[in-house]
């Protein structure tokens, strides 16, 4: 299936792309991350510490265990702080 993957902040900087369309067989977000990390070193570096990354599926905050069944977009970004 094809999924739009969006990267924000330092995740985007490390990967070098703001977004891309990925053809994946992944069942979960974690599986997608595994596929991405195997592509190139820049992905491996960006996803080295998953505790520093949040994920949204179709614009809903979720976990890395979330299913990709029927999903159109996955977004990765660092935790946000506010004041």
PDB file of N, CA and C in Angstrom:
ATOM      1  N   UNK A   1       0.838  -1.178   0.000  1.00  0.00           N
ATOM      2  CA  UNK A   1       0.000   0.000   0.000  1.00  0.00           C
ATOM      3  C   UNK A   1       0.883   1.241   0.000  1.00  0.00           C
ATOM      4  N   UNK A   2       0.341   2.327  -0.474  1.00  0.00           N
ATOM      5  CA  UNK A   2       1.071   3.595  -0.489  1.00  0.00           C
ATOM      6  C   UNK A   2       0.584   4.465   0.668  1.00  0.00           C
ATOM      7  N   UNK A   3       1.551   5.052   1.375  1.00  0.00           N
ATOM      8  CA  UNK A   3       1.262   5.908   2.524  1.00  0.00           C
ATOM      9  C   UNK A   3       2.082   7.182   2.373  1.00  0.00           C
ATOM     10  N   UNK A   4       1.464   8.330   2.610  1.00  0.00           N
ATOM     11  CA  UNK A   4       2.205   9.588   2.664  1.00  0.00           C
ATOM     12  C   UNK A   4       2.860   9.675   4.034  1.00  0.00           C
ATOM     13  N   UNK A   5       4.167   9.896   4.046  1.00  0.00           N
ATOM     14  CA  UNK A   5       4.905  10.024   5.301  1.00  0.00           C
ATOM     15  C   UNK A   5       5.417  11.459   5.380  1.00  0.00           C
ATOM     16  N   UNK A   6       5.120  12.107   6.504  1.00  0.00           N
ATOM     17  CA  UNK A   6       5.465  13.516   6.700  1.00  0.00           C
ATOM     18  C   UNK A   6       6.440  13.615   7.871  1.00  0.00           C
ATOM     19  N   UNK A   7       7.482  14.421   7.699  1.00  0.00           N
ATOM     20  CA  UNK A   7       8.504  14.606   8.729  1.00  0.00           C
ATOM     21  C   UNK A   7       8.528  16.069   9.156  1.00  0.00           C
ATOM     22  N   UNK A   8       8.628  16.307  10.466  1.00  0.00           N
ATOM     23  CA  UNK A   8       8.666  17.665  10.993  1.00  0.00           C
ATOM     24  C   UNK A   8       9.924  17.905  11.815  1.00  0.00           C
ATOM     25  N   UNK A   9      10.318  19.174  11.892  1.00  0.00           N
ATOM     26  CA  UNK A   9      11.408  19.667  12.742  1.00  0.00           C
ATOM     27  C   UNK A   9      12.706  18.900  12.476  1.00  0.00           C
ATOM     28  N   UNK A  10      13.389  18.460  13.535  1.00  0.00           N
ATOM     29  CA  UNK A  10      14.695  17.822  13.342  1.00  0.00           C
ATOM     30  C   UNK A  10      14.583  16.461  12.646  1.00  0.00           C
ATOM     31  N   UNK A  11      13.430  15.822  12.701  1.00  0.00           N
ATOM     32  CA  UNK A  11      13.255  14.565  11.959  1.00  0.00           C
ATOM     33  C   UNK A  11      13.381  14.867  10.463  1.00  0.00           C
ATOM     34  N   UNK A  12      12.730  15.930  10.021  1.00  0.00           N
ATOM     35  CA  UNK A  12      12.823  16.361   8.615  1.00  0.00           C
ATOM     36  C   UNK A  12      14.260  16.731   8.258  1.00  0.00           C
ATOM     37  N   UNK A  13      14.929  17.434   9.151  1.00  0.00           N
ATOM     38  CA  UNK A  13      16.307  17.850   8.885  1.00  0.00           C
ATOM     39  C   UNK A  13      17.236  16.650   8.726  1.00  0.00           C
ATOM     40  N   UNK A  14      17.075  15.645   9.556  1.00  0.00           N
ATOM     41  CA  UNK A  14      17.950  14.469   9.478  1.00  0.00           C
ATOM     42  C   UNK A  14      17.670  13.623   8.243  1.00  0.00           C
ATOM     43  N   UNK A  15      16.410  13.540   7.844  1.00  0.00           N
ATOM     44  CA  UNK A  15      16.064  12.743   6.670  1.00  0.00           C
ATOM     45  C   UNK A  15      16.274  13.531   5.388  1.00  0.00           C
ATOM     46  N   UNK A  16      16.085  14.844   5.458  1.00  0.00           N
ATOM     47  CA  UNK A  16      16.325  15.687   4.288  1.00  0.00           C
ATOM     48  C   UNK A  16      15.113  15.857   3.395  1.00  0.00           C
ATOM     49  N   UNK A  17      13.951  15.442   3.864  1.00  0.00           N
ATOM     50  CA  UNK A  17      12.706  15.574   3.096  1.00  0.00           C
ATOM     51  C   UNK A  17      11.579  16.021   4.017  1.00  0.00           C
ATOM     52  N   UNK A  18      10.670  16.860   3.527  1.00  0.00           N
ATOM     53  CA  UNK A  18       9.508  17.210   4.350  1.00  0.00           C
ATOM     54  C   UNK A  18       8.429  16.137   4.289  1.00  0.00           C
ATOM     55  N   UNK A  19       8.365  15.411   3.154  1.00  0.00           N
ATOM     56  CA  UNK A  19       7.353  14.357   2.990  1.00  0.00           C
ATOM     57  C   UNK A  19       7.733  13.467   1.824  1.00  0.00           C
ATOM     58  N   UNK A  20       7.178  12.283   1.817  1.00  0.00           N
ATOM     59  CA  UNK A  20       7.371  11.369   0.702  1.00  0.00           C
ATOM     60  C   UNK A  20       6.248  10.343   0.702  1.00  0.00           C
ATOM     61  N   UNK A  21       6.036   9.736  -0.460  1.00  0.00           N
ATOM     62  CA  UNK A  21       5.062   8.660  -0.543  1.00  0.00           C
ATOM     63  C   UNK A  21       5.846   7.351  -0.511  1.00  0.00           C
ATOM     64  N   UNK A  22       5.440   6.477   0.401  1.00  0.00           N
ATOM     65  CA  UNK A  22       6.163   5.226   0.619  1.00  0.00           C
ATOM     66  C   UNK A  22       5.260   4.058   0.251  1.00  0.00           C
ATOM     67  N   UNK A  23       5.804   3.141  -0.520  1.00  0.00           N
ATOM     68  CA  UNK A  23       5.108   1.894  -0.820  1.00  0.00           C
ATOM     69  C   UNK A  23       5.555   0.901   0.246  1.00  0.00           C
ATOM     70  N   UNK A  24       4.638   0.459   1.098  1.00  0.00           N
ATOM     71  CA  UNK A  24       5.005  -0.349   2.255  1.00  0.00           C
ATOM     72  C   UNK A  24       4.119  -1.573   2.413  1.00  0.00           C
ATOM     73  N   UNK A  25       4.691  -2.582   3.032  1.00  0.00           N
ATOM     74  CA  UNK A  25       3.945  -3.779   3.421  1.00  0.00           C
ATOM     75  C   UNK A  25       3.747  -3.786   4.929  1.00  0.00           C
ATOM     76  N   UNK A  26       4.110  -2.698   5.602  1.00  0.00           N
ATOM     77  CA  UNK A  26       4.056  -2.618   7.062  1.00  0.00           C
ATOM     78  C   UNK A  26       2.626  -2.730   7.584  1.00  0.00           C
ATOM     79  N   UNK A  27       2.481  -3.448   8.694  1.00  0.00           N
ATOM     80  CA  UNK A  27       1.180  -3.584   9.336  1.00  0.00           C
ATOM     81  C   UNK A  27       0.968  -2.530  10.416  1.00  0.00           C
ATOM     82  N   UNK A  28       2.073  -2.060  11.002  1.00  0.00           N
ATOM     83  CA  UNK A  28       2.004  -1.069  12.077  1.00  0.00           C
ATOM     84  C   UNK A  28       2.993   0.059  11.808  1.00  0.00           C
ATOM     85  N   UNK A  29       2.876   1.124  12.582  1.00  0.00           N
ATOM     86  CA  UNK A  29       3.836   2.230  12.476  1.00  0.00           C
ATOM     87  C   UNK A  29       5.234   1.715  12.781  1.00  0.00           C
ATOM     88  N   UNK A  30       5.369   0.870  13.797  1.00  0.00           N
ATOM     89  CA  UNK A  30       6.684   0.320  14.153  1.00  0.00           C
ATOM     90  C   UNK A  30       7.289  -0.446  12.984  1.00  0.00           C
ATOM     91  N   UNK A  31       6.467  -1.211  12.278  1.00  0.00           N
ATOM     92  CA  UNK A  31       6.952  -1.934  11.094  1.00  0.00           C
ATOM     93  C   UNK A  31       7.418  -0.959  10.011  1.00  0.00           C
ATOM     94  N   UNK A  32       6.681   0.128   9.835  1.00  0.00           N
ATOM     95  CA  UNK A  32       7.061   1.150   8.864  1.00  0.00           C
ATOM     96  C   UNK A  32       8.408   1.757   9.237  1.00  0.00           C
ATOM     97  N   UNK A  33       8.599   2.058  10.507  1.00  0.00           N
ATOM     98  CA  UNK A  33       9.876   2.615  10.964  1.00  0.00           C
ATOM     99  C   UNK A  33      11.010   1.633  10.670  1.00  0.00           C
ATOM    100  N   UNK A  34      10.778   0.355  10.910  1.00  0.00           N
ATOM    101  CA  UNK A  34      11.795  -0.664  10.611  1.00  0.00           C
ATOM    102  C   UNK A  34      12.151  -0.654   9.129  1.00  0.00           C
ATOM    103  N   UNK A  35      11.146  -0.572   8.266  1.00  0.00           N
ATOM    104  CA  UNK A  35      11.393  -0.492   6.823  1.00  0.00           C
ATOM    105  C   UNK A  35      12.187   0.759   6.460  1.00  0.00           C
ATOM    106  N   UNK A  36      11.789   1.900   7.032  1.00  0.00           N
ATOM    107  CA  UNK A  36      12.482   3.157   6.735  1.00  0.00           C
ATOM    108  C   UNK A  36      13.933   3.111   7.195  1.00  0.00           C
ATOM    109  N   UNK A  37      14.163   2.598   8.400  1.00  0.00           N
ATOM    110  CA  UNK A  37      15.529   2.534   8.947  1.00  0.00           C
ATOM    111  C   UNK A  37      16.444   1.672   8.080  1.00  0.00           C
ATOM    112  N   UNK A  38      15.877   0.678   7.418  1.00  0.00           N
ATOM    113  CA  UNK A  38      16.680  -0.212   6.580  1.00  0.00           C
ATOM    114  C   UNK A  38      17.037   0.422   5.231  1.00  0.00           C
ATOM    115  N   UNK A  39      16.375   1.517   4.879  1.00  0.00           N
ATOM    116  CA  UNK A  39      16.602   2.161   3.583  1.00  0.00           C
ATOM    117  C   UNK A  39      17.985   2.773   3.454  1.00  0.00           C
ATOM    118  N   UNK A  40      18.293   3.683   4.379  1.00  0.00           N
ATOM    119  CA  UNK A  40      19.544   4.453   4.313  1.00  0.00           C
ATOM    120  C   UNK A  40      19.929   4.877   5.728  1.00  0.00           C
ATOM    121  N   UNK A  41      21.201   5.261   5.867  1.00  0.00           N
ATOM    122  CA  UNK A  41      21.692   5.693   7.178  1.00  0.00           C
ATOM    123  C   UNK A  41      20.930   6.891   7.734  1.00  0.00           C
ATOM    124  N   UNK A  42      20.520   7.816   6.847  1.00  0.00           N
ATOM    125  CA  UNK A  42      19.845   9.022   7.339  1.00  0.00           C
ATOM    126  C   UNK A  42      18.546   8.676   8.063  1.00  0.00           C
ATOM    127  N   UNK A  43      17.832   7.654   7.610  1.00  0.00           N
ATOM    128  CA  UNK A  43      16.614   7.212   8.295  1.00  0.00           C
ATOM    129  C   UNK A  43      16.969   6.531   9.608  1.00  0.00           C
ATOM    130  N   UNK A  44      18.027   5.732   9.578  1.00  0.00           N
ATOM    131  CA  UNK A  44      18.458   5.042  10.787  1.00  0.00           C
ATOM    132  C   UNK A  44      18.832   6.046  11.874  1.00  0.00           C
ATOM    133  N   UNK A  45      19.510   7.101  11.485  1.00  0.00           N
ATOM    134  CA  UNK A  45      19.892   8.151  12.437  1.00  0.00           C
ATOM    135  C   UNK A  45      18.650   8.874  12.965  1.00  0.00           C
ATOM    136  N   UNK A  46      17.743   9.215  12.082  1.00  0.00           N
ATOM    137  CA  UNK A  46      16.542   9.957  12.486  1.00  0.00           C
ATOM    138  C   UNK A  46      15.670   9.164  13.455  1.00  0.00           C
ATOM    139  N   UNK A  47      15.596   7.849  13.266  1.00  0.00           N
ATOM    140  CA  UNK A  47      14.730   7.016  14.099  1.00  0.00           C
ATOM    141  C   UNK A  47      15.498   6.223  15.156  1.00  0.00           C
ATOM    142  N   UNK A  48      16.715   6.632  15.460  1.00  0.00           N
ATOM    143  CA  UNK A  48      17.545   5.907  16.418  1.00  0.00           C
ATOM    144  C   UNK A  48      16.944   5.887  17.830  1.00  0.00           C
ATOM    145  N   UNK A  49      16.280   6.958  18.232  1.00  0.00           N
ATOM    146  CA  UNK A  49      15.704   7.045  19.571  1.00  0.00           C
ATOM    147  C   UNK A  49      14.215   7.347  19.458  1.00  0.00           C
ATOM    148  N   UNK A  50      13.414   6.315  19.433  1.00  0.00           N
ATOM    149  CA  UNK A  50      11.967   6.503  19.254  1.00  0.00           C
ATOM    150  C   UNK A  50      11.300   7.167  20.452  1.00  0.00           C
ATOM    151  N   UNK A  51      11.968   7.204  21.599  1.00  0.00           N
ATOM    152  CA  UNK A  51      11.386   7.910  22.747  1.00  0.00           C
ATOM    153  C   UNK A  51      11.377   9.416  22.516  1.00  0.00           C
ATOM    154  N   UNK A  52      12.149   9.875  21.522  1.00  0.00           N
ATOM    155  CA  UNK A  52      12.222  11.309  21.215  1.00  0.00           C
ATOM    156  C   UNK A  52      11.339  11.691  20.042  1.00  0.00           C
ATOM    157  N   UNK A  53      10.500  10.755  19.575  1.00  0.00           N
ATOM    158  CA  UNK A  53       9.650  11.010  18.415  1.00  0.00           C
ATOM    159  C   UNK A  53       8.208  10.666  18.748  1.00  0.00           C
ATOM    160  N   UNK A  54       7.303  11.509  18.278  1.00  0.00           N
ATOM    161  CA  UNK A  54       5.866  11.242  18.383  1.00  0.00           C
ATOM    162  C   UNK A  54       5.354  10.918  16.988  1.00  0.00           C
ATOM    163  N   UNK A  55       4.211  10.257  16.944  1.00  0.00           N
ATOM    164  CA  UNK A  55       3.656   9.848  15.651  1.00  0.00           C
ATOM    165  C   UNK A  55       2.163  10.154  15.611  1.00  0.00           C
ATOM    166  N   UNK A  56       1.704  10.569  14.436  1.00  0.00           N
ATOM    167  CA  UNK A  56       0.278  10.777  14.192  1.00  0.00           C
ATOM    168  C   UNK A  56      -0.094   9.998  12.936  1.00  0.00           C
ATOM    169  N   UNK A  57      -1.245   9.351  13.000  1.00  0.00           N
ATOM    170  CA  UNK A  57      -1.773   8.603  11.869  1.00  0.00           C
ATOM    171  C   UNK A  57      -3.056   9.294  11.434  1.00  0.00           C
ATOM    172  N   UNK A  58      -3.098   9.711  10.182  1.00  0.00           N
ATOM    173  CA  UNK A  58      -4.225  10.487   9.656  1.00  0.00           C
ATOM    174  C   UNK A  58      -4.601  11.627  10.613  1.00  0.00           C
ATOM    175  N   UNK A  59      -3.563  12.322  11.081  1.00  0.00           N
ATOM    176  CA  UNK A  59      -3.652  13.520  11.924  1.00  0.00           C
ATOM    177  C   UNK A  59      -4.205  13.269  13.313  1.00  0.00           C
ATOM    178  N   UNK A  60      -4.094  12.019  13.793  1.00  0.00           N
ATOM    179  CA  UNK A  60      -4.491  11.664  15.163  1.00  0.00           C
ATOM    180  C   UNK A  60      -3.260  11.126  15.875  1.00  0.00           C
ATOM    181  N   UNK A  61      -2.894  11.732  17.006  1.00  0.00           N
ATOM    182  CA  UNK A  61      -1.762  11.274  17.795  1.00  0.00           C
ATOM    183  C   UNK A  61      -1.987   9.826  18.218  1.00  0.00           C
ATOM    184  N   UNK A  62      -0.960   8.990  18.066  1.00  0.00           N
ATOM    185  CA  UNK A  62      -1.103   7.572  18.376  1.00  0.00           C
ATOM    186  C   UNK A  62       0.236   7.004  18.831  1.00  0.00           C
ATOM    187  N   UNK A  63       0.326   5.672  18.887  1.00  0.00           N
ATOM    188  CA  UNK A  63       1.555   4.997  19.298  1.00  0.00           C
ATOM    189  C   UNK A  63       2.181   4.294  18.106  1.00  0.00           C
ATOM    190  N   UNK A  64       3.383   3.808  18.310  1.00  0.00           N
ATOM    191  CA  UNK A  64       4.078   3.085  17.252  1.00  0.00           C
ATOM    192  C   UNK A  64       3.451   1.716  16.988  1.00  0.00           C
ATOM    193  N   UNK A  65       2.595   1.261  17.874  1.00  0.00           N
ATOM    194  CA  UNK A  65       1.912  -0.020  17.681  1.00  0.00           C
ATOM    195  C   UNK A  65       0.638   0.131  16.844  1.00  0.00           C
ATOM    196  N   UNK A  66       0.286   1.348  16.459  1.00  0.00           N
ATOM    197  CA  UNK A  66      -0.943   1.608  15.707  1.00  0.00           C
ATOM    198  C   UNK A  66      -0.927   0.898  14.351  1.00  0.00           C
ATOM    199  N   UNK A  67      -2.072   0.393  13.971  1.00  0.00           N
ATOM    200  CA  UNK A  67      -2.247  -0.278  12.690  1.00  0.00           C
ATOM    201  C   UNK A  67      -2.200   0.728  11.542  1.00  0.00           C
ATOM    202  N   UNK A  68      -1.693   0.276  10.414  1.00  0.00           N
ATOM    203  CA  UNK A  68      -1.680   1.103   9.207  1.00  0.00           C
ATOM    204  C   UNK A  68      -2.801   0.724   8.250  1.00  0.00           C
ATOM    205  N   UNK A  69      -3.667  -0.157   8.666  1.00  0.00           N
ATOM    206  CA  UNK A  69      -4.777  -0.601   7.819  1.00  0.00           C
ATOM    207  C   UNK A  69      -5.661   0.586   7.433  1.00  0.00           C
ATOM    208  N   UNK A  70      -5.717   0.893   6.146  1.00  0.00           N
ATOM    209  CA  UNK A  70      -6.538   1.983   5.646  1.00  0.00           C
ATOM    210  C   UNK A  70      -5.988   3.377   5.875  1.00  0.00           C
ATOM    211  N   UNK A  71      -4.778   3.484   6.385  1.00  0.00           N
ATOM    212  CA  UNK A  71      -4.171   4.780   6.714  1.00  0.00           C
ATOM    213  C   UNK A  71      -3.654   5.450   5.442  1.00  0.00           C
ATOM    214  N   UNK A  72      -3.834   6.760   5.374  1.00  0.00           N
ATOM    215  CA  UNK A  72      -3.337   7.535   4.231  1.00  0.00           C
ATOM    216  C   UNK A  72      -2.082   8.329   4.567  1.00  0.00           C
ATOM    217  N   UNK A  73      -1.925   8.746   5.852  1.00  0.00           N
ATOM    218  CA  UNK A  73      -0.784   9.594   6.204  1.00  0.00           C
ATOM    219  C   UNK A  73      -0.237   9.217   7.577  1.00  0.00           C
ATOM    220  N   UNK A  74       1.088   9.193   7.656  1.00  0.00           N
ATOM    221  CA  UNK A  74       1.793   9.000   8.931  1.00  0.00           C
ATOM    222  C   UNK A  74       2.748  10.173   9.081  1.00  0.00           C
ATOM    223  N   UNK A  75       2.714  10.824  10.237  1.00  0.00           N
ATOM    224  CA  UNK A  75       3.583  11.980  10.481  1.00  0.00           C
ATOM    225  C   UNK A  75       4.469  11.705  11.697  1.00  0.00           C
ATOM    226  N   UNK A  76       5.726  12.091  11.593  1.00  0.00           N
ATOM    227  CA  UNK A  76       6.699  11.923  12.675  1.00  0.00           C
ATOM    228  C   UNK A  76       7.200  13.302  13.090  1.00  0.00           C
ATOM    229  N   UNK A  77       7.282  13.535  14.401  1.00  0.00           N
ATOM    230  CA  UNK A  77       7.707  14.836  14.906  1.00  0.00           C
ATOM    231  C   UNK A  77       8.220  14.698  16.329  1.00  0.00           C
ATOM    232  N   UNK A  78       9.062  15.643  16.789  1.00  0.00           N
ATOM    233  CA  UNK A  78       9.515  15.613  18.167  1.00  0.00           C
ATOM    234  C   UNK A  78       8.397  16.044  19.103  1.00  0.00           C
ATOM    235  N   UNK A  79       8.507  15.664  20.395  1.00  0.00           N
ATOM    236  CA  UNK A  79       7.496  16.123  21.362  1.00  0.00           C
ATOM    237  C   UNK A  79       7.430  17.643  21.381  1.00  0.00           C
ATOM    238  N   UNK A  80       6.270  18.153  21.620  1.00  0.00           N
ATOM    239  CA  UNK A  80       6.092  19.602  21.660  1.00  0.00           C
ATOM    240  C   UNK A  80       5.997  20.067  23.106  1.00  0.00           C
ATOM    241  N   UNK A  81       6.534  21.225  23.337  1.00  0.00           N
ATOM    242  CA  UNK A  81       6.398  21.833  24.644  1.00  0.00           C
ATOM    243  C   UNK A  81       5.711  23.178  24.473  1.00  0.00           C
ATOM    244  N   UNK A  82       5.087  23.614  25.490  1.00  0.00           N
ATOM    245  CA  UNK A  82       4.390  24.896  25.397  1.00  0.00           C
ATOM    246  C   UNK A  82       4.505  25.660  26.697  1.00  0.00           C
ATOM    247  N   UNK A  83       4.023  26.857  26.654  1.00  0.00           N
ATOM    248  CA  UNK A  83       4.171  27.647  27.873  1.00  0.00           C
ATOM    249  C   UNK A  83       2.999  28.557  28.061  1.00  0.00           C
TER     250      UNK A  83
END
